[in-house]
Amino acid sequence: MTFESRLAFIVFFFLCWTVIALFPWAVSAVVVRGRGAILALPLAIVAAWAAGVLVPVLGMRDAAGFFLSLGTALVAAIAGSVAGLVFARRMGVDGPRPGPPTRARLDS
């Protein structure tokens, strides 16, 4: 196998793990209405990459290992997304909280 084909496989794996990581991040961003979601994105992606790489490092380098790495990437992306949202809340960078709705006063 040539260097270019190995590199293409590695890029493909990281692309798959990235796409998998976007799903739980998008769901969590909708749930929290976008507050703190920008900090959760890189944490979700890096967590998915780390979990995805861990499966072949531990020895599963066949098709079952690939599908297992997708599952572990999904679980890790969920954990990374939640950790990013918690981190954003603790840092206070998740944006202003909306207050209670007020009645508009009509002056006419």
PDB file of N, CA and C in Angstrom:
ATOM      1  N   MET A   1       0.856  -1.170   0.000  1.00  0.00           N
ATOM      2  CA  MET A   1       0.000   0.000   0.000  1.00  0.00           C
ATOM      3  C   MET A   1       0.906   1.238   0.000  1.00  0.00           C
ATOM      4  N   THR A   2       0.603   2.173  -0.843  1.00  0.00           N
ATOM      5  CA  THR A   2       1.427   3.366  -0.962  1.00  0.00           C
ATOM      6  C   THR A   2       1.111   4.358   0.150  1.00  0.00           C
ATOM      7  N   PHE A   3       1.988   5.317   0.299  1.00  0.00           N
ATOM      8  CA  PHE A   3       1.808   6.343   1.318  1.00  0.00           C
ATOM      9  C   PHE A   3       0.531   7.144   1.070  1.00  0.00           C
ATOM     10  N   GLU A   4       0.262   7.457  -0.195  1.00  0.00           N
ATOM     11  CA  GLU A   4      -0.915   8.258  -0.525  1.00  0.00           C
ATOM     12  C   GLU A   4      -2.206   7.528  -0.185  1.00  0.00           C
ATOM     13  N   SER A   5      -2.250   6.229  -0.432  1.00  0.00           N
ATOM     14  CA  SER A   5      -3.471   5.483  -0.112  1.00  0.00           C
ATOM     15  C   SER A   5      -3.655   5.357   1.400  1.00  0.00           C
ATOM     16  N   ARG A   6      -2.568   5.184   2.142  1.00  0.00           N
ATOM     17  CA  ARG A   6      -2.686   5.164   3.607  1.00  0.00           C
ATOM     18  C   ARG A   6      -3.159   6.513   4.135  1.00  0.00           C
ATOM     19  N   LEU A   7      -2.626   7.573   3.586  1.00  0.00           N
ATOM     20  CA  LEU A   7      -3.048   8.908   3.991  1.00  0.00           C
ATOM     21  C   LEU A   7      -4.521   9.142   3.663  1.00  0.00           C
ATOM     22  N   ALA A   8      -4.977   8.657   2.509  1.00  0.00           N
ATOM     23  CA  ALA A   8      -6.381   8.794   2.136  1.00  0.00           C
ATOM     24  C   ALA A   8      -7.280   8.042   3.116  1.00  0.00           C
ATOM     25  N   PHE A   9      -6.862   6.861   3.558  1.00  0.00           N
ATOM     26  CA  PHE A   9      -7.641   6.115   4.534  1.00  0.00           C
ATOM     27  C   PHE A   9      -7.713   6.862   5.862  1.00  0.00           C
ATOM     28  N   ILE A  10      -6.617   7.403   6.292  1.00  0.00           N
ATOM     29  CA  ILE A  10      -6.594   8.134   7.560  1.00  0.00           C
ATOM     30  C   ILE A  10      -7.478   9.373   7.488  1.00  0.00           C
ATOM     31  N   VAL A  11      -7.395  10.099   6.393  1.00  0.00           N
ATOM     32  CA  VAL A  11      -8.237  11.285   6.211  1.00  0.00           C
ATOM     33  C   VAL A  11      -9.713  10.880   6.177  1.00  0.00           C
ATOM     34  N   PHE A  12     -10.018   9.754   5.515  1.00  0.00           N
ATOM     35  CA  PHE A  12     -11.394   9.269   5.467  1.00  0.00           C
ATOM     36  C   PHE A  12     -11.910   8.941   6.864  1.00  0.00           C
ATOM     37  N   PHE A  13     -11.097   8.283   7.680  1.00  0.00           N
ATOM     38  CA  PHE A  13     -11.510   7.942   9.035  1.00  0.00           C
ATOM     39  C   PHE A  13     -11.784   9.200   9.857  1.00  0.00           C
ATOM     40  N   PHE A  14     -10.885  10.169   9.794  1.00  0.00           N
ATOM     41  CA  PHE A  14     -11.084  11.409  10.548  1.00  0.00           C
ATOM     42  C   PHE A  14     -12.306  12.171  10.043  1.00  0.00           C
ATOM     43  N   LEU A  15     -12.567  12.114   8.751  1.00  0.00           N
ATOM     44  CA  LEU A  15     -13.758  12.761   8.208  1.00  0.00           C
ATOM     45  C   LEU A  15     -15.021  12.078   8.729  1.00  0.00           C
ATOM     46  N   CYS A  16     -15.024  10.759   8.767  1.00  0.00           N
ATOM     47  CA  CYS A  16     -16.182  10.027   9.305  1.00  0.00           C
ATOM     48  C   CYS A  16     -16.407  10.365  10.772  1.00  0.00           C
ATOM     49  N   TRP A  17     -15.355  10.393  11.563  1.00  0.00           N
ATOM     50  CA  TRP A  17     -15.486  10.704  12.982  1.00  0.00           C
ATOM     51  C   TRP A  17     -15.962  12.142  13.183  1.00  0.00           C
ATOM     52  N   THR A  18     -15.534  13.042  12.318  1.00  0.00           N
ATOM     53  CA  THR A  18     -15.974  14.435  12.412  1.00  0.00           C
ATOM     54  C   THR A  18     -17.460  14.560  12.108  1.00  0.00           C
ATOM     55  N   VAL A  19     -17.910  13.885  11.065  1.00  0.00           N
ATOM     56  CA  VAL A  19     -19.332  13.936  10.714  1.00  0.00           C
ATOM     57  C   VAL A  19     -20.173  13.326  11.829  1.00  0.00           C
ATOM     58  N   ILE A  20     -19.701  12.222  12.400  1.00  0.00           N
ATOM     59  CA  ILE A  20     -20.410  11.601  13.522  1.00  0.00           C
ATOM     60  C   ILE A  20     -20.495  12.580  14.699  1.00  0.00           C
ATOM     61  N   ALA A  21     -19.432  13.340  14.944  1.00  0.00           N
ATOM     62  CA  ALA A  21     -19.397  14.271  16.073  1.00  0.00           C
ATOM     63  C   ALA A  21     -20.342  15.450  15.873  1.00  0.00           C
ATOM     64  N   LEU A  22     -20.670  15.783  14.644  1.00  0.00           N
ATOM     65  CA  LEU A  22     -21.539  16.933  14.400  1.00  0.00           C
ATOM     66  C   LEU A  22     -22.986  16.677  14.803  1.00  0.00           C
ATOM     67  N   PHE A  23     -23.424  15.424  14.781  1.00  0.00           N
ATOM     68  CA  PHE A  23     -24.817  15.126  15.118  1.00  0.00           C
ATOM     69  C   PHE A  23     -25.146  15.414  16.583  1.00  0.00           C
ATOM     70  N   PRO A  24     -24.411  14.858  17.553  1.00  0.00           N
ATOM     71  CA  PRO A  24     -24.755  15.201  18.943  1.00  0.00           C
ATOM     72  C   PRO A  24     -24.506  16.662  19.270  1.00  0.00           C
ATOM     73  N   TRP A  25     -23.513  17.267  18.624  1.00  0.00           N
ATOM     74  CA  TRP A  25     -23.276  18.686  18.865  1.00  0.00           C
ATOM     75  C   TRP A  25     -24.455  19.518  18.361  1.00  0.00           C
ATOM     76  N   ALA A  26     -24.977  19.188  17.201  1.00  0.00           N
ATOM     77  CA  ALA A  26     -26.106  19.944  16.655  1.00  0.00           C
ATOM     78  C   ALA A  26     -27.345  19.785  17.537  1.00  0.00           C
ATOM     79  N   VAL A  27     -27.581  18.585  18.026  1.00  0.00           N
ATOM     80  CA  VAL A  27     -28.729  18.362  18.909  1.00  0.00           C
ATOM     81  C   VAL A  27     -28.571  19.165  20.201  1.00  0.00           C
ATOM     82  N   SER A  28     -27.378  19.130  20.770  1.00  0.00           N
ATOM     83  CA  SER A  28     -27.160  19.879  22.012  1.00  0.00           C
ATOM     84  C   SER A  28     -27.240  21.385  21.768  1.00  0.00           C
ATOM     85  N   ALA A  29     -26.798  21.850  20.612  1.00  0.00           N
ATOM     86  CA  ALA A  29     -26.893  23.278  20.304  1.00  0.00           C
ATOM     87  C   ALA A  29     -28.346  23.724  20.177  1.00  0.00           C
ATOM     88  N   VAL A  30     -29.183  22.876  19.631  1.00  0.00           N
ATOM     89  CA  VAL A  30     -30.607  23.205  19.528  1.00  0.00           C
ATOM     90  C   VAL A  30     -31.252  23.197  20.909  1.00  0.00           C
ATOM     91  N   VAL A  31     -30.879  22.222  21.728  1.00  0.00           N
ATOM     92  CA  VAL A  31     -31.480  22.109  23.061  1.00  0.00           C
ATOM     93  C   VAL A  31     -31.161  23.336  23.911  1.00  0.00           C
ATOM     94  N   VAL A  32     -29.923  23.820  23.860  1.00  0.00           N
ATOM     95  CA  VAL A  32     -29.542  24.977  24.679  1.00  0.00           C
ATOM     96  C   VAL A  32     -29.709  26.295  23.920  1.00  0.00           C
ATOM     97  N   ARG A  33     -30.323  26.238  22.764  1.00  0.00           N
ATOM     98  CA  ARG A  33     -30.584  27.419  21.927  1.00  0.00           C
ATOM     99  C   ARG A  33     -29.319  28.163  21.543  1.00  0.00           C
ATOM    100  N   GLY A  34     -28.244  27.431  21.346  1.00  0.00           N
ATOM    101  CA  GLY A  34     -27.004  28.007  20.868  1.00  0.00           C
ATOM    102  C   GLY A  34     -26.110  28.608  21.923  1.00  0.00           C
ATOM    103  N   ARG A  35     -26.571  28.678  23.167  1.00  0.00           N
ATOM    104  CA  ARG A  35     -25.766  29.293  24.216  1.00  0.00           C
ATOM    105  C   ARG A  35     -24.623  28.369  24.616  1.00  0.00           C
ATOM    106  N   GLY A  36     -23.417  28.740  24.296  1.00  0.00           N
ATOM    107  CA  GLY A  36     -22.233  27.958  24.648  1.00  0.00           C
ATOM    108  C   GLY A  36     -21.894  26.879  23.652  1.00  0.00           C
ATOM    109  N   ALA A  37     -22.638  26.776  22.580  1.00  0.00           N
ATOM    110  CA  ALA A  37     -22.414  25.701  21.621  1.00  0.00           C
ATOM    111  C   ALA A  37     -21.113  25.873  20.848  1.00  0.00           C
ATOM    112  N   ILE A  38     -20.647  27.093  20.717  1.00  0.00           N
ATOM    113  CA  ILE A  38     -19.417  27.302  19.954  1.00  0.00           C
ATOM    114  C   ILE A  38     -18.213  26.712  20.683  1.00  0.00           C
ATOM    115  N   LEU A  39     -18.236  26.706  22.004  1.00  0.00           N
ATOM    116  CA  LEU A  39     -17.155  26.069  22.752  1.00  0.00           C
ATOM    117  C   LEU A  39     -17.291  24.560  22.783  1.00  0.00           C
ATOM    118  N   ALA A  40     -18.496  24.051  22.628  1.00  0.00           N
ATOM    119  CA  ALA A  40     -18.718  22.614  22.656  1.00  0.00           C
ATOM    120  C   ALA A  40     -18.296  21.943  21.349  1.00  0.00           C
ATOM    121  N   LEU A  41     -18.278  22.670  20.253  1.00  0.00           N
ATOM    122  CA  LEU A  41     -17.944  22.073  18.956  1.00  0.00           C
ATOM    123  C   LEU A  41     -16.544  21.473  18.903  1.00  0.00           C
ATOM    124  N   PRO A  42     -15.489  22.229  19.234  1.00  0.00           N
ATOM    125  CA  PRO A  42     -14.166  21.608  19.155  1.00  0.00           C
ATOM    126  C   PRO A  42     -13.979  20.476  20.158  1.00  0.00           C
ATOM    127  N   LEU A  43     -14.612  20.593  21.330  1.00  0.00           N
ATOM    128  CA  LEU A  43     -14.489  19.510  22.304  1.00  0.00           C
ATOM    129  C   LEU A  43     -15.170  18.243  21.812  1.00  0.00           C
ATOM    130  N   ALA A  44     -16.306  18.373  21.167  1.00  0.00           N
ATOM    131  CA  ALA A  44     -17.001  17.204  20.633  1.00  0.00           C
ATOM    132  C   ALA A  44     -16.193  16.543  19.523  1.00  0.00           C
ATOM    133  N   ILE A  45     -15.605  17.337  18.654  1.00  0.00           N
ATOM    134  CA  ILE A  45     -14.832  16.779  17.544  1.00  0.00           C
ATOM    135  C   ILE A  45     -13.558  16.108  18.043  1.00  0.00           C
ATOM    136  N   VAL A  46     -12.844  16.755  18.931  1.00  0.00           N
ATOM    137  CA  VAL A  46     -11.597  16.171  19.447  1.00  0.00           C
ATOM    138  C   VAL A  46     -11.881  14.908  20.254  1.00  0.00           C
ATOM    139  N   ALA A  47     -12.968  14.903  21.009  1.00  0.00           N
ATOM    140  CA  ALA A  47     -13.327  13.699  21.758  1.00  0.00           C
ATOM    141  C   ALA A  47     -13.670  12.555  20.814  1.00  0.00           C
ATOM    142  N   ALA A  48     -14.375  12.853  19.730  1.00  0.00           N
ATOM    143  CA  ALA A  48     -14.699  11.818  18.749  1.00  0.00           C
ATOM    144  C   ALA A  48     -13.434  11.295  18.069  1.00  0.00           C
ATOM    145  N   TRP A  49     -12.513  12.177  17.745  1.00  0.00           N
ATOM    146  CA  TRP A  49     -11.250  11.735  17.145  1.00  0.00           C
ATOM    147  C   TRP A  49     -10.476  10.836  18.096  1.00  0.00           C
ATOM    148  N   ALA A  50     -10.395  11.243  19.358  1.00  0.00           N
ATOM    149  CA  ALA A  50      -9.624  10.462  20.333  1.00  0.00           C
ATOM    150  C   ALA A  50     -10.235   9.081  20.524  1.00  0.00           C
ATOM    151  N   ALA A  51     -11.550   9.001  20.634  1.00  0.00           N
ATOM    152  CA  ALA A  51     -12.196   7.704  20.811  1.00  0.00           C
ATOM    153  C   ALA A  51     -12.087   6.865  19.538  1.00  0.00           C
ATOM    154  N   GLY A  52     -12.192   7.513  18.393  1.00  0.00           N
ATOM    155  CA  GLY A  52     -12.069   6.780  17.135  1.00  0.00           C
ATOM    156  C   GLY A  52     -10.678   6.211  16.929  1.00  0.00           C
ATOM    157  N   VAL A  53      -9.669   6.950  17.300  1.00  0.00           N
ATOM    158  CA  VAL A  53      -8.290   6.478  17.159  1.00  0.00           C
ATOM    159  C   VAL A  53      -7.974   5.389  18.173  1.00  0.00           C
ATOM    160  N   LEU A  54      -8.612   5.440  19.310  1.00  0.00           N
ATOM    161  CA  LEU A  54      -8.332   4.473  20.366  1.00  0.00           C
ATOM    162  C   LEU A  54      -8.682   3.045  19.957  1.00  0.00           C
ATOM    163  N   VAL A  55      -9.720   2.857  19.169  1.00  0.00           N
ATOM    164  CA  VAL A  55     -10.147   1.505  18.783  1.00  0.00           C
ATOM    165  C   VAL A  55      -9.079   0.786  17.955  1.00  0.00           C
ATOM    166  N   PRO A  56      -8.556   1.371  16.881  1.00  0.00           N
ATOM    167  CA  PRO A  56      -7.510   0.652  16.150  1.00  0.00           C
ATOM    168  C   PRO A  56      -6.205   0.534  16.935  1.00  0.00           C
ATOM    169  N   VAL A  57      -5.937   1.492  17.812  1.00  0.00           N
ATOM    170  CA  VAL A  57      -4.726   1.407  18.626  1.00  0.00           C
ATOM    171  C   VAL A  57      -4.808   0.209  19.564  1.00  0.00           C
ATOM    172  N   LEU A  58      -6.016  -0.097  20.041  1.00  0.00           N
ATOM    173  CA  LEU A  58      -6.196  -1.239  20.926  1.00  0.00           C
ATOM    174  C   LEU A  58      -6.231  -2.569  20.180  1.00  0.00           C
ATOM    175  N   GLY A  59      -6.177  -2.546  18.852  1.00  0.00           N
ATOM    176  CA  GLY A  59      -6.019  -3.783  18.099  1.00  0.00           C
ATOM    177  C   GLY A  59      -7.110  -4.146  17.130  1.00  0.00           C
ATOM    178  N   MET A  60      -8.238  -3.483  17.147  1.00  0.00           N
ATOM    179  CA  MET A  60      -9.317  -3.829  16.223  1.00  0.00           C
ATOM    180  C   MET A  60      -9.127  -3.059  14.927  1.00  0.00           C
ATOM    181  N   ARG A  61      -8.510  -3.704  13.946  1.00  0.00           N
ATOM    182  CA  ARG A  61      -8.181  -3.027  12.687  1.00  0.00           C
ATOM    183  C   ARG A  61      -8.925  -3.617  11.501  1.00  0.00           C
ATOM    184  N   ASP A  62     -10.070  -4.226  11.735  1.00  0.00           N
ATOM    185  CA  ASP A  62     -10.859  -4.788  10.648  1.00  0.00           C
ATOM    186  C   ASP A  62     -12.159  -3.992  10.496  1.00  0.00           C
ATOM    187  N   ALA A  63     -13.098  -4.534   9.746  1.00  0.00           N
ATOM    188  CA  ALA A  63     -14.362  -3.822   9.517  1.00  0.00           C
ATOM    189  C   ALA A  63     -15.149  -3.653  10.807  1.00  0.00           C
ATOM    190  N   ALA A  64     -15.121  -4.662  11.664  1.00  0.00           N
ATOM    191  CA  ALA A  64     -15.818  -4.538  12.948  1.00  0.00           C
ATOM    192  C   ALA A  64     -15.199  -3.423  13.783  1.00  0.00           C
ATOM    193  N   GLY A  65     -13.887  -3.295  13.727  1.00  0.00           N
ATOM    194  CA  GLY A  65     -13.219  -2.213  14.443  1.00  0.00           C
ATOM    195  C   GLY A  65     -13.605  -0.847  13.918  1.00  0.00           C
ATOM    196  N   PHE A  66     -13.797  -0.743  12.603  1.00  0.00           N
ATOM    197  CA  PHE A  66     -14.209   0.533  12.016  1.00  0.00           C
ATOM    198  C   PHE A  66     -15.587   0.935  12.527  1.00  0.00           C
ATOM    199  N   PHE A  67     -16.531  -0.014  12.508  1.00  0.00           N
ATOM    200  CA  PHE A  67     -17.875   0.311  12.984  1.00  0.00           C
ATOM    201  C   PHE A  67     -17.904   0.545  14.486  1.00  0.00           C
ATOM    202  N   LEU A  68     -17.072  -0.179  15.213  1.00  0.00           N
ATOM    203  CA  LEU A  68     -16.959   0.072  16.649  1.00  0.00           C
ATOM    204  C   LEU A  68     -16.379   1.460  16.910  1.00  0.00           C
ATOM    205  N   SER A  69     -15.428   1.878  16.078  1.00  0.00           N
ATOM    206  CA  SER A  69     -14.852   3.216  16.252  1.00  0.00           C
ATOM    207  C   SER A  69     -15.879   4.302  15.969  1.00  0.00           C
ATOM    208  N   LEU A  70     -16.814   4.044  15.066  1.00  0.00           N
ATOM    209  CA  LEU A  70     -17.884   5.022  14.825  1.00  0.00           C
ATOM    210  C   LEU A  70     -18.791   5.138  16.046  1.00  0.00           C
ATOM    211  N   GLY A  71     -19.090   3.997  16.665  1.00  0.00           N
ATOM    212  CA  GLY A  71     -19.919   4.024  17.871  1.00  0.00           C
ATOM    213  C   GLY A  71     -19.235   4.707  19.031  1.00  0.00           C
ATOM    214  N   THR A  72     -17.961   4.412  19.218  1.00  0.00           N
ATOM    215  CA  THR A  72     -17.232   5.066  20.311  1.00  0.00           C
ATOM    216  C   THR A  72     -17.057   6.555  20.038  1.00  0.00           C
ATOM    217  N   ALA A  73     -16.906   6.915  18.777  1.00  0.00           N
ATOM    218  CA  ALA A  73     -16.811   8.335  18.436  1.00  0.00           C
ATOM    219  C   ALA A  73     -18.115   9.054  18.745  1.00  0.00           C
ATOM    220  N   LEU A  74     -19.242   8.387  18.514  1.00  0.00           N
ATOM    221  CA  LEU A  74     -20.529   8.998  18.829  1.00  0.00           C
ATOM    222  C   LEU A  74     -20.688   9.211  20.324  1.00  0.00           C
ATOM    223  N   VAL A  75     -20.356   8.199  21.105  1.00  0.00           N
ATOM    224  CA  VAL A  75     -20.476   8.314  22.564  1.00  0.00           C
ATOM    225  C   VAL A  75     -19.533   9.404  23.093  1.00  0.00           C
ATOM    226  N   ALA A  76     -18.313   9.431  22.581  1.00  0.00           N
ATOM    227  CA  ALA A  76     -17.351  10.442  23.022  1.00  0.00           C
ATOM    228  C   ALA A  76     -17.768  11.841  22.583  1.00  0.00           C
ATOM    229  N   ALA A  77     -18.381  11.957  21.417  1.00  0.00           N
ATOM    230  CA  ALA A  77     -18.852  13.273  20.965  1.00  0.00           C
ATOM    231  C   ALA A  77     -19.984  13.780  21.842  1.00  0.00           C
ATOM    232  N   ILE A  78     -20.844  12.876  22.291  1.00  0.00           N
ATOM    233  CA  ILE A  78     -21.901  13.275  23.219  1.00  0.00           C
ATOM    234  C   ILE A  78     -21.282  13.797  24.511  1.00  0.00           C
ATOM    235  N   ALA A  79     -20.320  13.051  25.028  1.00  0.00           N
ATOM    236  CA  ALA A  79     -19.656  13.470  26.264  1.00  0.00           C
ATOM    237  C   ALA A  79     -18.896  14.781  26.073  1.00  0.00           C
ATOM    238  N   GLY A  80     -18.211  14.934  24.953  1.00  0.00           N
ATOM    239  CA  GLY A  80     -17.470  16.163  24.683  1.00  0.00           C
ATOM    240  C   GLY A  80     -18.378  17.359  24.493  1.00  0.00           C
ATOM    241  N   SER A  81     -19.517  17.152  23.869  1.00  0.00           N
ATOM    242  CA  SER A  81     -20.466  18.242  23.672  1.00  0.00           C
ATOM    243  C   SER A  81     -21.058  18.700  25.001  1.00  0.00           C
ATOM    244  N   VAL A  82     -21.417  17.743  25.832  1.00  0.00           N
ATOM    245  CA  VAL A  82     -21.953  18.093  27.153  1.00  0.00           C
ATOM    246  C   VAL A  82     -20.883  18.789  27.988  1.00  0.00           C
ATOM    247  N   ALA A  83     -19.656  18.284  27.925  1.00  0.00           N
ATOM    248  CA  ALA A  83     -18.567  18.921  28.677  1.00  0.00           C
ATOM    249  C   ALA A  83     -18.323  20.341  28.190  1.00  0.00           C
ATOM    250  N   GLY A  84     -18.407  20.571  26.897  1.00  0.00           N
ATOM    251  CA  GLY A  84     -18.241  21.924  26.363  1.00  0.00           C
ATOM    252  C   GLY A  84     -19.334  22.867  26.813  1.00  0.00           C
ATOM    253  N   LEU A  85     -20.559  22.376  26.880  1.00  0.00           N
ATOM    254  CA  LEU A  85     -21.661  23.218  27.336  1.00  0.00           C
ATOM    255  C   LEU A  85     -21.524  23.545  28.814  1.00  0.00           C
ATOM    256  N   VAL A  86     -21.130  22.558  29.605  1.00  0.00           N
ATOM    257  CA  VAL A  86     -20.912  22.807  31.040  1.00  0.00           C
ATOM    258  C   VAL A  86     -19.770  23.797  31.238  1.00  0.00           C
ATOM    259  N   PHE A  87     -18.702  23.631  30.487  1.00  0.00           N
ATOM    260  CA  PHE A  87     -17.560  24.536  30.576  1.00  0.00           C
ATOM    261  C   PHE A  87     -17.970  25.964  30.200  1.00  0.00           C
ATOM    262  N   ALA A  88     -18.772  26.097  29.158  1.00  0.00           N
ATOM    263  CA  ALA A  88     -19.218  27.429  28.737  1.00  0.00           C
ATOM    264  C   ALA A  88     -20.089  28.080  29.803  1.00  0.00           C
ATOM    265  N   ARG A  89     -20.926  27.293  30.445  1.00  0.00           N
ATOM    266  CA  ARG A  89     -21.774  27.861  31.505  1.00  0.00           C
ATOM    267  C   ARG A  89     -20.940  28.318  32.688  1.00  0.00           C
ATOM    268  N   ARG A  90     -19.953  27.501  33.060  1.00  0.00           N
ATOM    269  CA  ARG A  90     -19.118  27.871  34.205  1.00  0.00           C
ATOM    270  C   ARG A  90     -18.254  29.086  33.914  1.00  0.00           C
ATOM    271  N   MET A  91     -17.831  29.233  32.676  1.00  0.00           N
ATOM    272  CA  MET A  91     -17.024  30.387  32.300  1.00  0.00           C
ATOM    273  C   MET A  91     -17.882  31.632  32.083  1.00  0.00           C
ATOM    274  N   GLY A  92     -19.160  31.457  31.903  1.00  0.00           N
ATOM    275  CA  GLY A  92     -20.047  32.584  31.700  1.00  0.00           C
ATOM    276  C   GLY A  92     -20.000  33.164  30.304  1.00  0.00           C
ATOM    277  N   VAL A  93     -19.584  32.373  29.335  1.00  0.00           N
ATOM    278  CA  VAL A  93     -19.502  32.867  27.963  1.00  0.00           C
ATOM    279  C   VAL A  93     -20.631  32.325  27.099  1.00  0.00           C
ATOM    280  N   ASP A  94     -21.683  31.866  27.739  1.00  0.00           N
ATOM    281  CA  ASP A  94     -22.768  31.277  26.968  1.00  0.00           C
ATOM    282  C   ASP A  94     -23.823  32.296  26.553  1.00  0.00           C
ATOM    283  N   GLY A  95     -23.562  33.562  26.753  1.00  0.00           N
ATOM    284  CA  GLY A  95     -24.462  34.601  26.283  1.00  0.00           C
ATOM    285  C   GLY A  95     -25.481  35.005  27.326  1.00  0.00           C
ATOM    286  N   PRO A  96     -26.195  36.078  27.046  1.00  0.00           N
ATOM    287  CA  PRO A  96     -27.182  36.557  28.021  1.00  0.00           C
ATOM    288  C   PRO A  96     -28.379  35.619  28.105  1.00  0.00           C
ATOM    289  N   ARG A  97     -28.926  35.530  29.270  1.00  0.00           N
ATOM    290  CA  ARG A  97     -30.124  34.724  29.481  1.00  0.00           C
ATOM    291  C   ARG A  97     -31.347  35.591  29.191  1.00  0.00           C
ATOM    292  N   PRO A  98     -32.298  35.059  28.477  1.00  0.00           N
ATOM    293  CA  PRO A  98     -33.489  35.874  28.208  1.00  0.00           C
ATOM    294  C   PRO A  98     -34.322  36.018  29.479  1.00  0.00           C
ATOM    295  N   GLY A  99     -34.827  37.201  29.678  1.00  0.00           N
ATOM    296  CA  GLY A  99     -35.682  37.455  30.830  1.00  0.00           C
ATOM    297  C   GLY A  99     -37.108  37.026  30.534  1.00  0.00           C
ATOM    298  N   PRO A 100     -37.968  37.243  31.490  1.00  0.00           N
ATOM    299  CA  PRO A 100     -39.366  36.893  31.255  1.00  0.00           C
ATOM    300  C   PRO A 100     -39.963  37.808  30.196  1.00  0.00           C
ATOM    301  N   PRO A 101     -40.901  37.312  29.462  1.00  0.00           N
ATOM    302  CA  PRO A 101     -41.501  38.159  28.423  1.00  0.00           C
ATOM    303  C   PRO A 101     -42.262  39.329  29.046  1.00  0.00           C
ATOM    304  N   THR A 102     -42.150  40.462  28.405  1.00  0.00           N
ATOM    305  CA  THR A 102     -42.857  41.656  28.887  1.00  0.00           C
ATOM    306  C   THR A 102     -43.912  42.059  27.870  1.00  0.00           C
ATOM    307  N   ARG A 103     -44.880  42.780  28.356  1.00  0.00           N
ATOM    308  CA  ARG A 103     -45.921  43.250  27.449  1.00  0.00           C
ATOM    309  C   ARG A 103     -45.458  44.525  26.761  1.00  0.00           C
ATOM    310  N   ALA A 104     -45.701  44.582  25.505  1.00  0.00           N
ATOM    311  CA  ALA A 104     -45.362  45.793  24.745  1.00  0.00           C
ATOM    312  C   ALA A 104     -46.447  46.832  24.994  1.00  0.00           C
ATOM    313  N   ARG A 105     -46.004  48.043  25.233  1.00  0.00           N
ATOM    314  CA  ARG A 105     -46.941  49.111  25.501  1.00  0.00           C
ATOM    315  C   ARG A 105     -47.200  49.877  24.207  1.00  0.00           C
ATOM    316  N   LEU A 106     -48.413  50.018  23.887  1.00  0.00           N
ATOM    317  CA  LEU A 106     -48.788  50.735  22.667  1.00  0.00           C
ATOM    318  C   LEU A 106     -49.186  52.163  23.028  1.00  0.00           C
ATOM    319  N   ASP A 107     -48.460  53.096  22.501  1.00  0.00           N
ATOM    320  CA  ASP A 107     -48.761  54.518  22.723  1.00  0.00           C
ATOM    321  C   ASP A 107     -49.335  55.104  21.448  1.00  0.00           C
ATOM    322  N   SER A 108     -50.630  55.147  21.357  1.00  0.00           N
ATOM    323  CA  SER A 108     -51.222  55.774  20.178  1.00  0.00           C
ATOM    324  C   SER A 108     -52.519  56.441  20.485  1.00  0.00           C
TER     325      SER A 108
END
